[in-house]
């Protein structure tokens, strides 16, 4: 078996994050201005460093991931971006998709991400177990279809969490928390049956000098 390199890149800051809403596949509107700057920084890093020479580029179908991929891809050569919905973020379902976080909490309460993975996370949406199963399937497909190759995937924080849990062979919830930064690079290598190596996590040196996030002013501030 040849080693298969998965390079997972979280999307840039999104409009839904800035607006503080649950941004599922129905309500995502792409990147914020800062998110585009983050993606441009990563593209320029790849252009100057040549550190990744991919055989394939894949993106989630979410606009924030696909926009990031299209900005960064020129730094990775001339490969087309393939879209695969299996790499999408945890789907909150049609009822919750697009809700403001504050309204969701007022109506349903805070989500316990350490609870039962088969429990209801979002009414009408994916459970954590269903989401984890989907992502694990995407990882298996990529390592099988592109064995021995370098695969760059533009995806999401939750997807990176689920992928690392697959690589580390741990349950879908509990044990640890990770906080993947926008456009950060995570690299895992499949080296044998059920055996992975973690080569890097949250590599975000290209973001130096940029603000950590968009400054949000309260509506009452008049700014």
C-alpha atoms as a PDB file:
ATOM      1  CA  UNK A   1       0.000   0.000   0.000  1.00  0.00           C
ATOM      2  CA  UNK A   2       1.288   3.455  -0.951  1.00  0.00           C
ATOM      3  CA  UNK A   3       0.919   6.344   1.453  1.00  0.00           C
ATOM      4  CA  UNK A   4      -2.028   8.642   0.726  1.00  0.00           C
ATOM      5  CA  UNK A   5      -1.682  12.263   1.849  1.00  0.00           C
ATOM      6  CA  UNK A   6      -4.836  14.155   2.846  1.00  0.00           C
ATOM      7  CA  UNK A   7      -4.372  17.914   3.186  1.00  0.00           C
ATOM      8  CA  UNK A   8      -7.481  19.353   4.818  1.00  0.00           C
ATOM      9  CA  UNK A   9      -7.973  23.126   4.577  1.00  0.00           C
ATOM     10  CA  UNK A  10     -10.722  24.908   6.467  1.00  0.00           C
ATOM     11  CA  UNK A  11     -12.557  27.619   4.537  1.00  0.00           C
ATOM     12  CA  UNK A  12     -11.960  31.316   5.173  1.00  0.00           C
ATOM     13  CA  UNK A  13     -14.136  33.348   7.514  1.00  0.00           C
ATOM     14  CA  UNK A  14     -17.731  33.146   6.293  1.00  0.00           C
ATOM     15  CA  UNK A  15     -20.569  35.611   5.997  1.00  0.00           C
ATOM     16  CA  UNK A  16     -22.737  33.403   8.202  1.00  0.00           C
ATOM     17  CA  UNK A  17     -20.150  33.536  10.979  1.00  0.00           C
ATOM     18  CA  UNK A  18     -20.042  37.323  10.813  1.00  0.00           C
ATOM     19  CA  UNK A  19     -23.853  37.456  10.860  1.00  0.00           C
ATOM     20  CA  UNK A  20     -23.971  34.926  13.726  1.00  0.00           C
ATOM     21  CA  UNK A  21     -26.336  32.494  12.047  1.00  0.00           C
ATOM     22  CA  UNK A  22     -26.404  28.736  11.605  1.00  0.00           C
ATOM     23  CA  UNK A  23     -24.980  28.515   8.120  1.00  0.00           C
ATOM     24  CA  UNK A  24     -25.974  25.225   6.584  1.00  0.00           C
ATOM     25  CA  UNK A  25     -26.004  24.366   2.873  1.00  0.00           C
ATOM     26  CA  UNK A  26     -29.197  26.348   2.271  1.00  0.00           C
ATOM     27  CA  UNK A  27     -28.134  29.657   3.824  1.00  0.00           C
ATOM     28  CA  UNK A  28     -24.357  29.843   3.265  1.00  0.00           C
ATOM     29  CA  UNK A  29     -23.460  32.859   1.120  1.00  0.00           C
ATOM     30  CA  UNK A  30     -19.690  32.463   0.931  1.00  0.00           C
ATOM     31  CA  UNK A  31     -16.799  34.378   2.442  1.00  0.00           C
ATOM     32  CA  UNK A  32     -16.585  37.650   4.311  1.00  0.00           C
ATOM     33  CA  UNK A  33     -14.048  40.247   3.076  1.00  0.00           C
ATOM     34  CA  UNK A  34     -11.629  38.990   5.742  1.00  0.00           C
ATOM     35  CA  UNK A  35     -12.274  35.418   4.618  1.00  0.00           C
ATOM     36  CA  UNK A  36     -11.223  36.332   1.097  1.00  0.00           C
ATOM     37  CA  UNK A  37      -8.055  37.962   2.439  1.00  0.00           C
ATOM     38  CA  UNK A  38      -7.262  34.787   4.373  1.00  0.00           C
ATOM     39  CA  UNK A  39      -7.689  32.669   1.252  1.00  0.00           C
ATOM     40  CA  UNK A  40      -5.519  35.039  -0.790  1.00  0.00           C
ATOM     41  CA  UNK A  41      -2.796  34.792   1.844  1.00  0.00           C
ATOM     42  CA  UNK A  42      -2.877  31.004   1.619  1.00  0.00           C
ATOM     43  CA  UNK A  43      -2.778  31.088  -2.185  1.00  0.00           C
ATOM     44  CA  UNK A  44       0.268  33.375  -2.086  1.00  0.00           C
ATOM     45  CA  UNK A  45       1.937  31.118   0.477  1.00  0.00           C
ATOM     46  CA  UNK A  46       1.510  28.090  -1.772  1.00  0.00           C
ATOM     47  CA  UNK A  47       2.735  30.023  -4.799  1.00  0.00           C
ATOM     48  CA  UNK A  48       5.947  31.028  -3.031  1.00  0.00           C
ATOM     49  CA  UNK A  49       6.618  27.830  -1.087  1.00  0.00           C
ATOM     50  CA  UNK A  50       5.560  25.064  -3.480  1.00  0.00           C
ATOM     51  CA  UNK A  51       5.073  22.953  -0.350  1.00  0.00           C
ATOM     52  CA  UNK A  52       2.093  21.054  -1.750  1.00  0.00           C
ATOM     53  CA  UNK A  53       1.894  19.501  -5.206  1.00  0.00           C
ATOM     54  CA  UNK A  54      -1.558  17.899  -5.254  1.00  0.00           C
ATOM     55  CA  UNK A  55      -2.843  15.206  -7.563  1.00  0.00           C
ATOM     56  CA  UNK A  56      -6.446  16.213  -6.946  1.00  0.00           C
ATOM     57  CA  UNK A  57      -8.340  19.124  -5.373  1.00  0.00           C
ATOM     58  CA  UNK A  58     -11.740  18.547  -3.787  1.00  0.00           C
ATOM     59  CA  UNK A  59     -14.169  21.011  -2.217  1.00  0.00           C
ATOM     60  CA  UNK A  60     -17.290  20.788  -0.145  1.00  0.00           C
ATOM     61  CA  UNK A  61     -20.376  22.069  -1.945  1.00  0.00           C
ATOM     62  CA  UNK A  62     -20.868  24.863   0.613  1.00  0.00           C
ATOM     63  CA  UNK A  63     -20.219  28.283  -0.983  1.00  0.00           C
ATOM     64  CA  UNK A  64     -17.712  29.260   1.724  1.00  0.00           C
ATOM     65  CA  UNK A  65     -15.573  26.196   1.020  1.00  0.00           C
ATOM     66  CA  UNK A  66     -15.907  26.380  -2.765  1.00  0.00           C
ATOM     67  CA  UNK A  67     -15.063  30.096  -2.832  1.00  0.00           C
ATOM     68  CA  UNK A  68     -11.973  29.394  -0.728  1.00  0.00           C
ATOM     69  CA  UNK A  69     -10.962  26.581  -3.071  1.00  0.00           C
ATOM     70  CA  UNK A  70     -11.335  28.747  -6.167  1.00  0.00           C
ATOM     71  CA  UNK A  71      -9.185  31.498  -4.647  1.00  0.00           C
ATOM     72  CA  UNK A  72      -6.448  29.161  -3.402  1.00  0.00           C
ATOM     73  CA  UNK A  73      -6.364  26.655  -6.293  1.00  0.00           C
ATOM     74  CA  UNK A  74      -4.131  28.806  -8.576  1.00  0.00           C
ATOM     75  CA  UNK A  75      -1.436  28.453  -5.919  1.00  0.00           C
ATOM     76  CA  UNK A  76      -1.617  24.686  -6.306  1.00  0.00           C
ATOM     77  CA  UNK A  77      -1.156  24.449 -10.067  1.00  0.00           C
ATOM     78  CA  UNK A  78      -3.765  24.153 -12.776  1.00  0.00           C
ATOM     79  CA  UNK A  79      -5.958  21.358 -11.422  1.00  0.00           C
ATOM     80  CA  UNK A  80      -9.744  21.738 -11.536  1.00  0.00           C
ATOM     81  CA  UNK A  81     -11.711  21.800  -8.294  1.00  0.00           C
ATOM     82  CA  UNK A  82     -13.921  18.742  -7.896  1.00  0.00           C
ATOM     83  CA  UNK A  83     -17.031  19.231  -5.749  1.00  0.00           C
ATOM     84  CA  UNK A  84     -18.109  16.496  -3.342  1.00  0.00           C
ATOM     85  CA  UNK A  85     -21.032  17.170  -0.999  1.00  0.00           C
ATOM     86  CA  UNK A  86     -19.841  14.437   1.388  1.00  0.00           C
ATOM     87  CA  UNK A  87     -17.183  16.873   2.677  1.00  0.00           C
ATOM     88  CA  UNK A  88     -19.837  19.394   3.796  1.00  0.00           C
ATOM     89  CA  UNK A  89     -20.270  20.648   7.346  1.00  0.00           C
ATOM     90  CA  UNK A  90     -22.780  19.199   9.826  1.00  0.00           C
ATOM     91  CA  UNK A  91     -26.194  19.878   8.241  1.00  0.00           C
ATOM     92  CA  UNK A  92     -28.568  21.568  10.723  1.00  0.00           C
ATOM     93  CA  UNK A  93     -31.578  20.701   8.570  1.00  0.00           C
ATOM     94  CA  UNK A  94     -34.120  22.961   6.847  1.00  0.00           C
ATOM     95  CA  UNK A  95     -35.799  24.161  10.042  1.00  0.00           C
ATOM     96  CA  UNK A  96     -32.634  25.436  11.736  1.00  0.00           C
ATOM     97  CA  UNK A  97     -30.535  26.359   8.710  1.00  0.00           C
ATOM     98  CA  UNK A  98     -30.261  30.152   8.595  1.00  0.00           C
ATOM     99  CA  UNK A  99     -31.464  30.774  12.158  1.00  0.00           C
ATOM    100  CA  UNK A 100     -29.621  33.324  14.236  1.00  0.00           C
ATOM    101  CA  UNK A 101     -27.580  31.636  16.977  1.00  0.00           C
ATOM    102  CA  UNK A 102     -29.379  33.684  19.644  1.00  0.00           C
ATOM    103  CA  UNK A 103     -32.791  32.593  18.331  1.00  0.00           C
ATOM    104  CA  UNK A 104     -31.706  28.956  18.175  1.00  0.00           C
ATOM    105  CA  UNK A 105     -30.481  29.006  21.785  1.00  0.00           C
ATOM    106  CA  UNK A 106     -33.637  30.772  22.962  1.00  0.00           C
ATOM    107  CA  UNK A 107     -35.795  28.137  21.277  1.00  0.00           C
ATOM    108  CA  UNK A 108     -33.806  24.929  21.746  1.00  0.00           C
ATOM    109  CA  UNK A 109     -31.074  25.678  24.276  1.00  0.00           C
ATOM    110  CA  UNK A 110     -27.327  25.198  23.920  1.00  0.00           C
ATOM    111  CA  UNK A 111     -26.101  22.139  22.020  1.00  0.00           C
ATOM    112  CA  UNK A 112     -24.235  19.577  24.120  1.00  0.00           C
ATOM    113  CA  UNK A 113     -21.559  18.461  21.677  1.00  0.00           C
ATOM    114  CA  UNK A 114     -20.222  15.925  24.209  1.00  0.00           C
ATOM    115  CA  UNK A 115     -23.565  14.149  24.546  1.00  0.00           C
ATOM    116  CA  UNK A 116     -25.081  11.116  22.849  1.00  0.00           C
ATOM    117  CA  UNK A 117     -23.894  11.131  19.203  1.00  0.00           C
ATOM    118  CA  UNK A 118     -27.221   9.544  18.193  1.00  0.00           C
ATOM    119  CA  UNK A 119     -29.226  12.208  19.992  1.00  0.00           C
ATOM    120  CA  UNK A 120     -31.012  15.097  18.281  1.00  0.00           C
ATOM    121  CA  UNK A 121     -28.569  17.941  17.691  1.00  0.00           C
ATOM    122  CA  UNK A 122     -30.687  20.009  15.299  1.00  0.00           C
ATOM    123  CA  UNK A 123     -34.355  19.122  14.832  1.00  0.00           C
ATOM    124  CA  UNK A 124     -34.634  17.681  11.336  1.00  0.00           C
ATOM    125  CA  UNK A 125     -30.869  17.822  10.798  1.00  0.00           C
ATOM    126  CA  UNK A 126     -28.012  15.348  11.002  1.00  0.00           C
ATOM    127  CA  UNK A 127     -27.095  13.738  14.286  1.00  0.00           C
ATOM    128  CA  UNK A 128     -23.427  13.804  15.217  1.00  0.00           C
ATOM    129  CA  UNK A 129     -23.276  10.071  14.462  1.00  0.00           C
ATOM    130  CA  UNK A 130     -24.744  10.559  10.985  1.00  0.00           C
ATOM    131  CA  UNK A 131     -22.370  13.428  10.267  1.00  0.00           C
ATOM    132  CA  UNK A 132     -19.371  11.446  11.495  1.00  0.00           C
ATOM    133  CA  UNK A 133     -20.379   8.444   9.388  1.00  0.00           C
ATOM    134  CA  UNK A 134     -20.672  10.629   6.282  1.00  0.00           C
ATOM    135  CA  UNK A 135     -17.238  12.199   6.788  1.00  0.00           C
ATOM    136  CA  UNK A 136     -15.628   8.840   7.495  1.00  0.00           C
ATOM    137  CA  UNK A 137     -17.080   7.629   4.215  1.00  0.00           C
ATOM    138  CA  UNK A 138     -15.579  10.612   2.397  1.00  0.00           C
ATOM    139  CA  UNK A 139     -12.161   9.889   3.941  1.00  0.00           C
ATOM    140  CA  UNK A 140     -12.397   6.210   2.966  1.00  0.00           C
ATOM    141  CA  UNK A 141     -13.410   7.099  -0.586  1.00  0.00           C
ATOM    142  CA  UNK A 142     -10.525   9.553  -0.988  1.00  0.00           C
ATOM    143  CA  UNK A 143      -7.890   7.165   0.337  1.00  0.00           C
ATOM    144  CA  UNK A 144      -9.228   4.303  -1.799  1.00  0.00           C
ATOM    145  CA  UNK A 145      -9.766   6.236  -5.019  1.00  0.00           C
ATOM    146  CA  UNK A 146      -6.507   8.195  -4.804  1.00  0.00           C
ATOM    147  CA  UNK A 147      -4.204   5.707  -3.106  1.00  0.00           C
ATOM    148  CA  UNK A 148      -0.612   6.918  -3.074  1.00  0.00           C
ATOM    149  CA  UNK A 149      -1.582  10.446  -4.108  1.00  0.00           C
ATOM    150  CA  UNK A 150      -1.810  13.870  -2.480  1.00  0.00           C
ATOM    151  CA  UNK A 151      -5.406  15.028  -2.043  1.00  0.00           C
ATOM    152  CA  UNK A 152      -6.224  18.601  -1.011  1.00  0.00           C
ATOM    153  CA  UNK A 153      -9.714  19.052   0.445  1.00  0.00           C
ATOM    154  CA  UNK A 154     -11.322  22.419   1.158  1.00  0.00           C
ATOM    155  CA  UNK A 155     -13.800  21.751   3.930  1.00  0.00           C
ATOM    156  CA  UNK A 156     -14.938  22.763   7.423  1.00  0.00           C
ATOM    157  CA  UNK A 157     -13.962  22.754  11.075  1.00  0.00           C
ATOM    158  CA  UNK A 158     -16.380  19.984  11.962  1.00  0.00           C
ATOM    159  CA  UNK A 159     -15.178  17.896   9.029  1.00  0.00           C
ATOM    160  CA  UNK A 160     -11.567  18.245  10.165  1.00  0.00           C
ATOM    161  CA  UNK A 161     -12.588  17.224  13.687  1.00  0.00           C
ATOM    162  CA  UNK A 162     -14.398  14.134  12.362  1.00  0.00           C
ATOM    163  CA  UNK A 163     -11.486  13.258  10.053  1.00  0.00           C
ATOM    164  CA  UNK A 164      -8.971  13.455  12.897  1.00  0.00           C
ATOM    165  CA  UNK A 165     -11.206  11.307  15.068  1.00  0.00           C
ATOM    166  CA  UNK A 166     -11.295   8.759  12.248  1.00  0.00           C
ATOM    167  CA  UNK A 167      -7.512   8.831  11.913  1.00  0.00           C
ATOM    168  CA  UNK A 168      -6.978   8.573  15.680  1.00  0.00           C
ATOM    169  CA  UNK A 169      -9.632   5.844  15.973  1.00  0.00           C
ATOM    170  CA  UNK A 170     -11.560   7.612  18.741  1.00  0.00           C
ATOM    171  CA  UNK A 171     -15.327   8.074  19.269  1.00  0.00           C
ATOM    172  CA  UNK A 172     -17.209  10.831  17.398  1.00  0.00           C
ATOM    173  CA  UNK A 173     -17.619  12.877  20.608  1.00  0.00           C
ATOM    174  CA  UNK A 174     -15.632  13.432  23.785  1.00  0.00           C
ATOM    175  CA  UNK A 175     -11.970  13.003  24.613  1.00  0.00           C
ATOM    176  CA  UNK A 176     -10.719  16.297  23.238  1.00  0.00           C
ATOM    177  CA  UNK A 177     -11.744  19.569  21.590  1.00  0.00           C
ATOM    178  CA  UNK A 178     -10.030  21.183  18.624  1.00  0.00           C
ATOM    179  CA  UNK A 179     -10.330  24.726  17.295  1.00  0.00           C
ATOM    180  CA  UNK A 180      -9.315  24.819  13.656  1.00  0.00           C
ATOM    181  CA  UNK A 181      -8.599  28.312  12.370  1.00  0.00           C
ATOM    182  CA  UNK A 182      -9.903  29.651   9.070  1.00  0.00           C
ATOM    183  CA  UNK A 183      -7.709  28.537   6.129  1.00  0.00           C
ATOM    184  CA  UNK A 184      -5.486  26.520   8.476  1.00  0.00           C
ATOM    185  CA  UNK A 185      -3.769  23.431   7.041  1.00  0.00           C
ATOM    186  CA  UNK A 186      -4.180  19.990   8.608  1.00  0.00           C
ATOM    187  CA  UNK A 187      -2.311  17.048   7.111  1.00  0.00           C
ATOM    188  CA  UNK A 188      -2.872  13.359   7.776  1.00  0.00           C
ATOM    189  CA  UNK A 189      -1.238  10.485   5.928  1.00  0.00           C
ATOM    190  CA  UNK A 190      -2.749   7.027   5.484  1.00  0.00           C
ATOM    191  CA  UNK A 191       0.205   4.644   5.829  1.00  0.00           C
ATOM    192  CA  UNK A 192      -1.504   1.270   6.213  1.00  0.00           C
ATOM    193  CA  UNK A 193      -4.741  -0.515   7.123  1.00  0.00           C
ATOM    194  CA  UNK A 194      -6.331   1.531   9.922  1.00  0.00           C
ATOM    195  CA  UNK A 195      -3.025   3.349  10.466  1.00  0.00           C
ATOM    196  CA  UNK A 196      -2.525   7.081  10.074  1.00  0.00           C
ATOM    197  CA  UNK A 197       0.146   9.667  10.796  1.00  0.00           C
ATOM    198  CA  UNK A 198      -0.688  13.228  11.824  1.00  0.00           C
ATOM    199  CA  UNK A 199       1.873  15.443  10.090  1.00  0.00           C
ATOM    200  CA  UNK A 200       0.477  18.856  11.063  1.00  0.00           C
ATOM    201  CA  UNK A 201      -2.583  20.518  12.514  1.00  0.00           C
ATOM    202  CA  UNK A 202      -3.800  24.148  12.405  1.00  0.00           C
ATOM    203  CA  UNK A 203      -0.844  25.439  10.362  1.00  0.00           C
ATOM    204  CA  UNK A 204      -1.863  29.063   9.855  1.00  0.00           C
ATOM    205  CA  UNK A 205       1.404  31.014   9.624  1.00  0.00           C
ATOM    206  CA  UNK A 206       0.121  32.783   6.480  1.00  0.00           C
ATOM    207  CA  UNK A 207      -2.435  34.649   8.623  1.00  0.00           C
ATOM    208  CA  UNK A 208       0.217  36.634  10.497  1.00  0.00           C
ATOM    209  CA  UNK A 209      -0.777  40.305  10.707  1.00  0.00           C
ATOM    210  CA  UNK A 210      -4.450  39.748   9.856  1.00  0.00           C
ATOM    211  CA  UNK A 211      -7.149  40.256  12.501  1.00  0.00           C
ATOM    212  CA  UNK A 212      -8.332  37.073  14.150  1.00  0.00           C
ATOM    213  CA  UNK A 213     -11.907  37.740  13.068  1.00  0.00           C
ATOM    214  CA  UNK A 214     -14.153  40.468  11.751  1.00  0.00           C
ATOM    215  CA  UNK A 215     -14.903  43.052  14.406  1.00  0.00           C
ATOM    216  CA  UNK A 216     -18.627  42.968  15.112  1.00  0.00           C
ATOM    217  CA  UNK A 217     -20.281  46.181  16.288  1.00  0.00           C
ATOM    218  CA  UNK A 218     -23.558  46.059  18.174  1.00  0.00           C
ATOM    219  CA  UNK A 219     -26.582  47.363  16.324  1.00  0.00           C
ATOM    220  CA  UNK A 220     -26.985  50.062  18.952  1.00  0.00           C
ATOM    221  CA  UNK A 221     -23.496  51.453  18.399  1.00  0.00           C
ATOM    222  CA  UNK A 222     -24.466  53.129  15.143  1.00  0.00           C
ATOM    223  CA  UNK A 223     -21.238  51.954  13.504  1.00  0.00           C
END
